[in-house]
Amino acid sequence: MLNHDAYNRDRVHKVNILVTIAIVALFSAQSVFTKDSDRALVNIFEGLGIVLLAVINYFLPISRYIKGLFFSLIPGIVIIALFILV
């Protein structure tokens, strides 16, 4: 009874992956339509790297709390990297 969660964290992690994939897909599609082909290809590979990080995080055998922390840090790290690189 003490380990009862008010919500299902595994379902929350799945939603986090889906939201990450959707955002990366939207940014990649926008890049294809507004940038030249070389820059768009670079943006697509960068997006695939972000998705790969999220999927790896989902399958890591670590605590659910640390997984949740990593899921929340991935977008923040990407935003900081974009500010530094652009």
PDB file of N, CA and C in Angstrom:
ATOM      1  N   MET A   1       0.812  -1.186   0.000  1.00  0.00           N
ATOM      2  CA  MET A   1       0.000   0.000   0.000  1.00  0.00           C
ATOM      3  C   MET A   1       0.862   1.259   0.000  1.00  0.00           C
ATOM      4  N   LEU A   2       2.078   1.178   0.533  1.00  0.00           N
ATOM      5  CA  LEU A   2       2.932   2.359   0.582  1.00  0.00           C
ATOM      6  C   LEU A   2       3.517   2.719  -0.786  1.00  0.00           C
ATOM      7  N   ASN A   3       3.650   1.749  -1.682  1.00  0.00           N
ATOM      8  CA  ASN A   3       4.215   2.013  -3.001  1.00  0.00           C
ATOM      9  C   ASN A   3       3.160   2.394  -4.034  1.00  0.00           C
ATOM     10  N   HIS A   4       1.948   2.644  -3.617  1.00  0.00           N
ATOM     11  CA  HIS A   4       0.881   2.994  -4.543  1.00  0.00           C
ATOM     12  C   HIS A   4       1.095   4.409  -5.081  1.00  0.00           C
ATOM     13  N   ASP A   5       1.146   4.523  -6.407  1.00  0.00           N
ATOM     14  CA  ASP A   5       1.323   5.821  -7.047  1.00  0.00           C
ATOM     15  C   ASP A   5      -0.035   6.411  -7.399  1.00  0.00           C
ATOM     16  N   ALA A   6      -0.121   7.729  -7.333  1.00  0.00           N
ATOM     17  CA  ALA A   6      -1.366   8.389  -7.697  1.00  0.00           C
ATOM     18  C   ALA A   6      -1.564   8.374  -9.207  1.00  0.00           C
ATOM     19  N   TYR A   7      -0.498   8.188  -9.957  1.00  0.00           N
ATOM     20  CA  TYR A   7      -0.592   8.111 -11.414  1.00  0.00           C
ATOM     21  C   TYR A   7       0.443   7.118 -11.917  1.00  0.00           C
ATOM     22  N   ASN A   8       0.288   6.710 -13.137  1.00  0.00           N
ATOM     23  CA  ASN A   8       1.160   5.711 -13.727  1.00  0.00           C
ATOM     24  C   ASN A   8       2.349   6.415 -14.398  1.00  0.00           C
ATOM     25  N   ARG A   9       3.510   6.312 -13.798  1.00  0.00           N
ATOM     26  CA  ARG A   9       4.694   7.008 -14.320  1.00  0.00           C
ATOM     27  C   ARG A   9       5.132   6.464 -15.676  1.00  0.00           C
ATOM     28  N   ASP A  10       4.940   5.174 -15.910  1.00  0.00           N
ATOM     29  CA  ASP A  10       5.313   4.609 -17.208  1.00  0.00           C
ATOM     30  C   ASP A  10       4.501   5.243 -18.328  1.00  0.00           C
ATOM     31  N   ARG A  11       3.237   5.486 -18.079  1.00  0.00           N
ATOM     32  CA  ARG A  11       2.396   6.141 -19.074  1.00  0.00           C
ATOM     33  C   ARG A  11       2.862   7.588 -19.288  1.00  0.00           C
ATOM     34  N   VAL A  12       3.265   8.239 -18.241  1.00  0.00           N
ATOM     35  CA  VAL A  12       3.776   9.606 -18.352  1.00  0.00           C
ATOM     36  C   VAL A  12       5.060   9.625 -19.169  1.00  0.00           C
ATOM     37  N   HIS A  13       5.925   8.639 -18.973  1.00  0.00           N
ATOM     38  CA  HIS A  13       7.162   8.566 -19.756  1.00  0.00           C
ATOM     39  C   HIS A  13       6.859   8.348 -21.234  1.00  0.00           C
ATOM     40  N   LYS A  14       5.863   7.517 -21.540  1.00  0.00           N
ATOM     41  CA  LYS A  14       5.473   7.294 -22.932  1.00  0.00           C
ATOM     42  C   LYS A  14       4.945   8.590 -23.558  1.00  0.00           C
ATOM     43  N   VAL A  15       4.158   9.322 -22.805  1.00  0.00           N
ATOM     44  CA  VAL A  15       3.649  10.603 -23.311  1.00  0.00           C
ATOM     45  C   VAL A  15       4.805  11.576 -23.541  1.00  0.00           C
ATOM     46  N   ASN A  16       5.788  11.588 -22.654  1.00  0.00           N
ATOM     47  CA  ASN A  16       6.952  12.458 -22.837  1.00  0.00           C
ATOM     48  C   ASN A  16       7.700  12.121 -24.122  1.00  0.00           C
ATOM     49  N   ILE A  17       7.852  10.831 -24.417  1.00  0.00           N
ATOM     50  CA  ILE A  17       8.518  10.434 -25.662  1.00  0.00           C
ATOM     51  C   ILE A  17       7.699  10.886 -26.862  1.00  0.00           C
ATOM     52  N   LEU A  18       6.401  10.671 -26.814  1.00  0.00           N
ATOM     53  CA  LEU A  18       5.553  11.065 -27.939  1.00  0.00           C
ATOM     54  C   LEU A  18       5.565  12.574 -28.159  1.00  0.00           C
ATOM     55  N   VAL A  19       5.542  13.337 -27.090  1.00  0.00           N
ATOM     56  CA  VAL A  19       5.592  14.800 -27.225  1.00  0.00           C
ATOM     57  C   VAL A  19       6.944  15.232 -27.790  1.00  0.00           C
ATOM     58  N   THR A  20       8.013  14.623 -27.327  1.00  0.00           N
ATOM     59  CA  THR A  20       9.345  14.940 -27.846  1.00  0.00           C
ATOM     60  C   THR A  20       9.438  14.634 -29.333  1.00  0.00           C
ATOM     61  N   ILE A  21       8.937  13.474 -29.743  1.00  0.00           N
ATOM     62  CA  ILE A  21       8.960  13.097 -31.157  1.00  0.00           C
ATOM     63  C   ILE A  21       8.113  14.061 -31.979  1.00  0.00           C
ATOM     64  N   ALA A  22       6.946  14.434 -31.475  1.00  0.00           N
ATOM     65  CA  ALA A  22       6.070  15.349 -32.209  1.00  0.00           C
ATOM     66  C   ALA A  22       6.725  16.721 -32.389  1.00  0.00           C
ATOM     67  N   ILE A  23       7.350  17.240 -31.339  1.00  0.00           N
ATOM     68  CA  ILE A  23       7.996  18.546 -31.437  1.00  0.00           C
ATOM     69  C   ILE A  23       9.174  18.489 -32.398  1.00  0.00           C
ATOM     70  N   VAL A  24       9.976  17.439 -32.314  1.00  0.00           N
ATOM     71  CA  VAL A  24      11.112  17.295 -33.235  1.00  0.00           C
ATOM     72  C   VAL A  24      10.616  17.177 -34.673  1.00  0.00           C
ATOM     73  N   ALA A  25       9.533  16.426 -34.890  1.00  0.00           N
ATOM     74  CA  ALA A  25       8.986  16.286 -36.240  1.00  0.00           C
ATOM     75  C   ALA A  25       8.489  17.619 -36.777  1.00  0.00           C
ATOM     76  N   LEU A  26       7.837  18.402 -35.934  1.00  0.00           N
ATOM     77  CA  LEU A  26       7.353  19.717 -36.375  1.00  0.00           C
ATOM     78  C   LEU A  26       8.506  20.649 -36.725  1.00  0.00           C
ATOM     79  N   PHE A  27       9.535  20.684 -35.891  1.00  0.00           N
ATOM     80  CA  PHE A  27      10.678  21.541 -36.187  1.00  0.00           C
ATOM     81  C   PHE A  27      11.431  21.070 -37.426  1.00  0.00           C
ATOM     82  N   SER A  28      11.519  19.759 -37.607  1.00  0.00           N
ATOM     83  CA  SER A  28      12.195  19.235 -38.794  1.00  0.00           C
ATOM     84  C   SER A  28      11.407  19.563 -40.057  1.00  0.00           C
ATOM     85  N   ALA A  29      10.091  19.416 -40.010  1.00  0.00           N
ATOM     86  CA  ALA A  29       9.258  19.749 -41.169  1.00  0.00           C
ATOM     87  C   ALA A  29       9.360  21.236 -41.493  1.00  0.00           C
ATOM     88  N   GLN A  30       9.346  22.060 -40.465  1.00  0.00           N
ATOM     89  CA  GLN A  30       9.492  23.509 -40.674  1.00  0.00           C
ATOM     90  C   GLN A  30      10.841  23.821 -41.290  1.00  0.00           C
ATOM     91  N   SER A  31      11.862  23.129 -40.867  1.00  0.00           N
ATOM     92  CA  SER A  31      13.203  23.341 -41.400  1.00  0.00           C
ATOM     93  C   SER A  31      13.286  22.940 -42.868  1.00  0.00           C
ATOM     94  N   VAL A  32      12.610  21.858 -43.240  1.00  0.00           N
ATOM     95  CA  VAL A  32      12.625  21.407 -44.636  1.00  0.00           C
ATOM     96  C   VAL A  32      11.998  22.454 -45.544  1.00  0.00           C
ATOM     97  N   PHE A  33      10.932  23.102 -45.070  1.00  0.00           N
ATOM     98  CA  PHE A  33      10.229  24.065 -45.912  1.00  0.00           C
ATOM     99  C   PHE A  33      10.856  25.462 -45.922  1.00  0.00           C
ATOM    100  N   THR A  34      11.636  25.807 -44.919  1.00  0.00           N
ATOM    101  CA  THR A  34      12.147  27.175 -44.844  1.00  0.00           C
ATOM    102  C   THR A  34      13.659  27.303 -45.046  1.00  0.00           C
ATOM    103  N   LYS A  35      14.401  26.234 -44.928  1.00  0.00           N
ATOM    104  CA  LYS A  35      15.855  26.302 -45.053  1.00  0.00           C
ATOM    105  C   LYS A  35      16.307  25.618 -46.332  1.00  0.00           C
ATOM    106  N   ASP A  36      17.564  25.830 -46.679  1.00  0.00           N
ATOM    107  CA  ASP A  36      18.090  25.092 -47.827  1.00  0.00           C
ATOM    108  C   ASP A  36      18.284  23.625 -47.442  1.00  0.00           C
ATOM    109  N   SER A  37      18.509  22.792 -48.431  1.00  0.00           N
ATOM    110  CA  SER A  37      18.502  21.348 -48.188  1.00  0.00           C
ATOM    111  C   SER A  37      19.632  20.891 -47.265  1.00  0.00           C
ATOM    112  N   ASP A  38      20.796  21.518 -47.344  1.00  0.00           N
ATOM    113  CA  ASP A  38      21.905  21.112 -46.475  1.00  0.00           C
ATOM    114  C   ASP A  38      21.592  21.411 -45.008  1.00  0.00           C
ATOM    115  N   ARG A  39      21.098  22.604 -44.740  1.00  0.00           N
ATOM    116  CA  ARG A  39      20.784  22.983 -43.358  1.00  0.00           C
ATOM    117  C   ARG A  39      19.609  22.162 -42.835  1.00  0.00           C
ATOM    118  N   ALA A  40      18.635  21.890 -43.692  1.00  0.00           N
ATOM    119  CA  ALA A  40      17.486  21.078 -43.278  1.00  0.00           C
ATOM    120  C   ALA A  40      17.933  19.676 -42.905  1.00  0.00           C
ATOM    121  N   LEU A  41      18.850  19.114 -43.678  1.00  0.00           N
ATOM    122  CA  LEU A  41      19.358  17.770 -43.376  1.00  0.00           C
ATOM    123  C   LEU A  41      20.095  17.751 -42.034  1.00  0.00           C
ATOM    124  N   VAL A  42      20.868  18.792 -41.766  1.00  0.00           N
ATOM    125  CA  VAL A  42      21.562  18.898 -40.475  1.00  0.00           C
ATOM    126  C   VAL A  42      20.544  18.968 -39.338  1.00  0.00           C
ATOM    127  N   ASN A  43      19.488  19.767 -39.520  1.00  0.00           N
ATOM    128  CA  ASN A  43      18.458  19.883 -38.480  1.00  0.00           C
ATOM    129  C   ASN A  43      17.735  18.560 -38.254  1.00  0.00           C
ATOM    130  N   ILE A  44      17.510  17.806 -39.319  1.00  0.00           N
ATOM    131  CA  ILE A  44      16.844  16.509 -39.173  1.00  0.00           C
ATOM    132  C   ILE A  44      17.724  15.550 -38.374  1.00  0.00           C
ATOM    133  N   PHE A  45      19.021  15.511 -38.661  1.00  0.00           N
ATOM    134  CA  PHE A  45      19.916  14.634 -37.902  1.00  0.00           C
ATOM    135  C   PHE A  45      20.042  15.075 -36.443  1.00  0.00           C
ATOM    136  N   GLU A  46      20.040  16.377 -36.201  1.00  0.00           N
ATOM    137  CA  GLU A  46      20.047  16.849 -34.816  1.00  0.00           C
ATOM    138  C   GLU A  46      18.782  16.421 -34.091  1.00  0.00           C
ATOM    139  N   GLY A  47      17.648  16.511 -34.778  1.00  0.00           N
ATOM    140  CA  GLY A  47      16.381  16.074 -34.188  1.00  0.00           C
ATOM    141  C   GLY A  47      16.369  14.588 -33.902  1.00  0.00           C
ATOM    142  N   LEU A  48      16.944  13.803 -34.818  1.00  0.00           N
ATOM    143  CA  LEU A  48      17.028  12.360 -34.572  1.00  0.00           C
ATOM    144  C   LEU A  48      17.899  12.050 -33.357  1.00  0.00           C
ATOM    145  N   GLY A  49      18.929  12.855 -33.138  1.00  0.00           N
ATOM    146  CA  GLY A  49      19.757  12.687 -31.937  1.00  0.00           C
ATOM    147  C   GLY A  49      18.967  12.938 -30.668  1.00  0.00           C
ATOM    148  N   ILE A  50      18.111  13.950 -30.701  1.00  0.00           N
ATOM    149  CA  ILE A  50      17.278  14.254 -29.534  1.00  0.00           C
ATOM    150  C   ILE A  50      16.291  13.123 -29.274  1.00  0.00           C
ATOM    151  N   VAL A  51      15.672  12.618 -30.335  1.00  0.00           N
ATOM    152  CA  VAL A  51      14.734  11.500 -30.188  1.00  0.00           C
ATOM    153  C   VAL A  51      15.472  10.269 -29.655  1.00  0.00           C
ATOM    154  N   LEU A  52      16.673  10.040 -30.144  1.00  0.00           N
ATOM    155  CA  LEU A  52      17.465   8.900 -29.676  1.00  0.00           C
ATOM    156  C   LEU A  52      17.769   9.025 -28.180  1.00  0.00           C
ATOM    157  N   LEU A  53      18.096  10.228 -27.730  1.00  0.00           N
ATOM    158  CA  LEU A  53      18.321  10.436 -26.291  1.00  0.00           C
ATOM    159  C   LEU A  53      17.073  10.121 -25.478  1.00  0.00           C
ATOM    160  N   ALA A  54      15.920  10.537 -25.960  1.00  0.00           N
ATOM    161  CA  ALA A  54      14.672  10.278 -25.240  1.00  0.00           C
ATOM    162  C   ALA A  54      14.360   8.782 -25.194  1.00  0.00           C
ATOM    163  N   VAL A  55      14.581   8.086 -26.303  1.00  0.00           N
ATOM    164  CA  VAL A  55      14.298   6.647 -26.340  1.00  0.00           C
ATOM    165  C   VAL A  55      15.276   5.881 -25.445  1.00  0.00           C
ATOM    166  N   ILE A  56      16.538   6.270 -25.487  1.00  0.00           N
ATOM    167  CA  ILE A  56      17.526   5.626 -24.604  1.00  0.00           C
ATOM    168  C   ILE A  56      17.144   5.845 -23.147  1.00  0.00           C
ATOM    169  N   ASN A  57      16.725   7.060 -22.828  1.00  0.00           N
ATOM    170  CA  ASN A  57      16.316   7.368 -21.462  1.00  0.00           C
ATOM    171  C   ASN A  57      15.126   6.502 -21.046  1.00  0.00           C
ATOM    172  N   TYR A  58      14.211   6.265 -21.949  1.00  0.00           N
ATOM    173  CA  TYR A  58      13.033   5.449 -21.624  1.00  0.00           C
ATOM    174  C   TYR A  58      13.425   4.022 -21.273  1.00  0.00           C
ATOM    175  N   PHE A  59      14.406   3.471 -21.974  1.00  0.00           N
ATOM    176  CA  PHE A  59      14.768   2.070 -21.766  1.00  0.00           C
ATOM    177  C   PHE A  59      15.888   1.868 -20.740  1.00  0.00           C
ATOM    178  N   LEU A  60      16.457   2.928 -20.200  1.00  0.00           N
ATOM    179  CA  LEU A  60      17.501   2.771 -19.178  1.00  0.00           C
ATOM    180  C   LEU A  60      16.913   2.152 -17.910  1.00  0.00           C
ATOM    181  N   PRO A  61      17.617   1.212 -17.311  1.00  0.00           N
ATOM    182  CA  PRO A  61      17.119   0.603 -16.084  1.00  0.00           C
ATOM    183  C   PRO A  61      17.506   1.428 -14.847  1.00  0.00           C
ATOM    184  N   ILE A  62      16.948   2.629 -14.750  1.00  0.00           N
ATOM    185  CA  ILE A  62      17.242   3.513 -13.623  1.00  0.00           C
ATOM    186  C   ILE A  62      15.934   3.864 -12.925  1.00  0.00           C
ATOM    187  N   SER A  63      16.059   4.571 -11.845  1.00  0.00           N
ATOM    188  CA  SER A  63      14.897   4.978 -11.067  1.00  0.00           C
ATOM    189  C   SER A  63      13.930   5.801 -11.911  1.00  0.00           C
ATOM    190  N   ARG A  64      12.645   5.630 -11.657  1.00  0.00           N
ATOM    191  CA  ARG A  64      11.627   6.380 -12.403  1.00  0.00           C
ATOM    192  C   ARG A  64      11.741   7.876 -12.157  1.00  0.00           C
ATOM    193  N   TYR A  65      12.189   8.246 -10.972  1.00  0.00           N
ATOM    194  CA  TYR A  65      12.324   9.661 -10.655  1.00  0.00           C
ATOM    195  C   TYR A  65      13.463  10.300 -11.449  1.00  0.00           C
ATOM    196  N   ILE A  66      14.563   9.585 -11.579  1.00  0.00           N
ATOM    197  CA  ILE A  66      15.692  10.095 -12.364  1.00  0.00           C
ATOM    198  C   ILE A  66      15.324  10.125 -13.846  1.00  0.00           C
ATOM    199  N   LYS A  67      14.567   9.127 -14.311  1.00  0.00           N
ATOM    200  CA  LYS A  67      14.080   9.132 -15.685  1.00  0.00           C
ATOM    201  C   LYS A  67      13.232  10.367 -15.948  1.00  0.00           C
ATOM    202  N   GLY A  68      12.361  10.671 -15.039  1.00  0.00           N
ATOM    203  CA  GLY A  68      11.522  11.867 -15.172  1.00  0.00           C
ATOM    204  C   GLY A  68      12.354  13.131 -15.203  1.00  0.00           C
ATOM    205  N   LEU A  69      13.408  13.168 -14.393  1.00  0.00           N
ATOM    206  CA  LEU A  69      14.304  14.323 -14.402  1.00  0.00           C
ATOM    207  C   LEU A  69      14.990  14.454 -15.750  1.00  0.00           C
ATOM    208  N   PHE A  70      15.470  13.339 -16.289  1.00  0.00           N
ATOM    209  CA  PHE A  70      16.125  13.381 -17.603  1.00  0.00           C
ATOM    210  C   PHE A  70      15.152  13.800 -18.697  1.00  0.00           C
ATOM    211  N   PHE A  71      13.907  13.309 -18.633  1.00  0.00           N
ATOM    212  CA  PHE A  71      12.913  13.713 -19.629  1.00  0.00           C
ATOM    213  C   PHE A  71      12.662  15.219 -19.565  1.00  0.00           C
ATOM    214  N   SER A  72      12.704  15.785 -18.389  1.00  0.00           N
ATOM    215  CA  SER A  72      12.490  17.223 -18.286  1.00  0.00           C
ATOM    216  C   SER A  72      13.738  18.020 -18.651  1.00  0.00           C
ATOM    217  N   LEU A  73      14.919  17.431 -18.507  1.00  0.00           N
ATOM    218  CA  LEU A  73      16.148  18.143 -18.845  1.00  0.00           C
ATOM    219  C   LEU A  73      16.466  18.151 -20.339  1.00  0.00           C
ATOM    220  N   ILE A  74      16.016  17.145 -21.076  1.00  0.00           N
ATOM    221  CA  ILE A  74      16.344  17.059 -22.504  1.00  0.00           C
ATOM    222  C   ILE A  74      15.918  18.325 -23.255  1.00  0.00           C
ATOM    223  N   PRO A  75      14.658  18.787 -23.153  1.00  0.00           N
ATOM    224  CA  PRO A  75      14.304  20.009 -23.880  1.00  0.00           C
ATOM    225  C   PRO A  75      15.087  21.236 -23.412  1.00  0.00           C
ATOM    226  N   GLY A  76      15.346  21.332 -22.125  1.00  0.00           N
ATOM    227  CA  GLY A  76      16.104  22.468 -21.610  1.00  0.00           C
ATOM    228  C   GLY A  76      17.529  22.510 -22.131  1.00  0.00           C
ATOM    229  N   ILE A  77      18.168  21.359 -22.176  1.00  0.00           N
ATOM    230  CA  ILE A  77      19.539  21.280 -22.693  1.00  0.00           C
ATOM    231  C   ILE A  77      19.566  21.622 -24.182  1.00  0.00           C
ATOM    232  N   VAL A  78      18.566  21.160 -24.909  1.00  0.00           N
ATOM    233  CA  VAL A  78      18.501  21.473 -26.336  1.00  0.00           C
ATOM    234  C   VAL A  78      18.320  22.979 -26.552  1.00  0.00           C
ATOM    235  N   ILE A  79      17.469  23.606 -25.773  1.00  0.00           N
ATOM    236  CA  ILE A  79      17.253  25.045 -25.910  1.00  0.00           C
ATOM    237  C   ILE A  79      18.532  25.816 -25.586  1.00  0.00           C
ATOM    238  N   ILE A  80      19.227  25.440 -24.535  1.00  0.00           N
ATOM    239  CA  ILE A  80      20.482  26.108 -24.189  1.00  0.00           C
ATOM    240  C   ILE A  80      21.514  25.913 -25.283  1.00  0.00           C
ATOM    241  N   ALA A  81      21.590  24.699 -25.838  1.00  0.00           N
ATOM    242  CA  ALA A  81      22.526  24.434 -26.929  1.00  0.00           C
ATOM    243  C   ALA A  81      22.189  25.274 -28.149  1.00  0.00           C
ATOM    244  N   LEU A  82      20.903  25.445 -28.444  1.00  0.00           N
ATOM    245  CA  LEU A  82      20.518  26.270 -29.583  1.00  0.00           C
ATOM    246  C   LEU A  82      20.904  27.734 -29.380  1.00  0.00           C
ATOM    247  N   PHE A  83      20.752  28.230 -28.166  1.00  0.00           N
ATOM    248  CA  PHE A  83      21.157  29.604 -27.894  1.00  0.00           C
ATOM    249  C   PHE A  83      22.660  29.785 -28.048  1.00  0.00           C
ATOM    250  N   ILE A  84      23.416  28.793 -27.661  1.00  0.00           N
ATOM    251  CA  ILE A  84      24.875  28.889 -27.767  1.00  0.00           C
ATOM    252  C   ILE A  84      25.329  28.747 -29.212  1.00  0.00           C
ATOM    253  N   LEU A  85      24.737  27.807 -29.956  1.00  0.00           N
ATOM    254  CA  LEU A  85      25.191  27.522 -31.316  1.00  0.00           C
ATOM    255  C   LEU A  85      24.671  28.503 -32.360  1.00  0.00           C
ATOM    256  N   VAL A  86      23.534  29.095 -32.123  1.00  0.00           N
ATOM    257  CA  VAL A  86      22.945  29.961 -33.154  1.00  0.00           C
ATOM    258  C   VAL A  86      23.262  31.402 -32.925  1.00  0.00           C
TER     259      VAL A  86
END
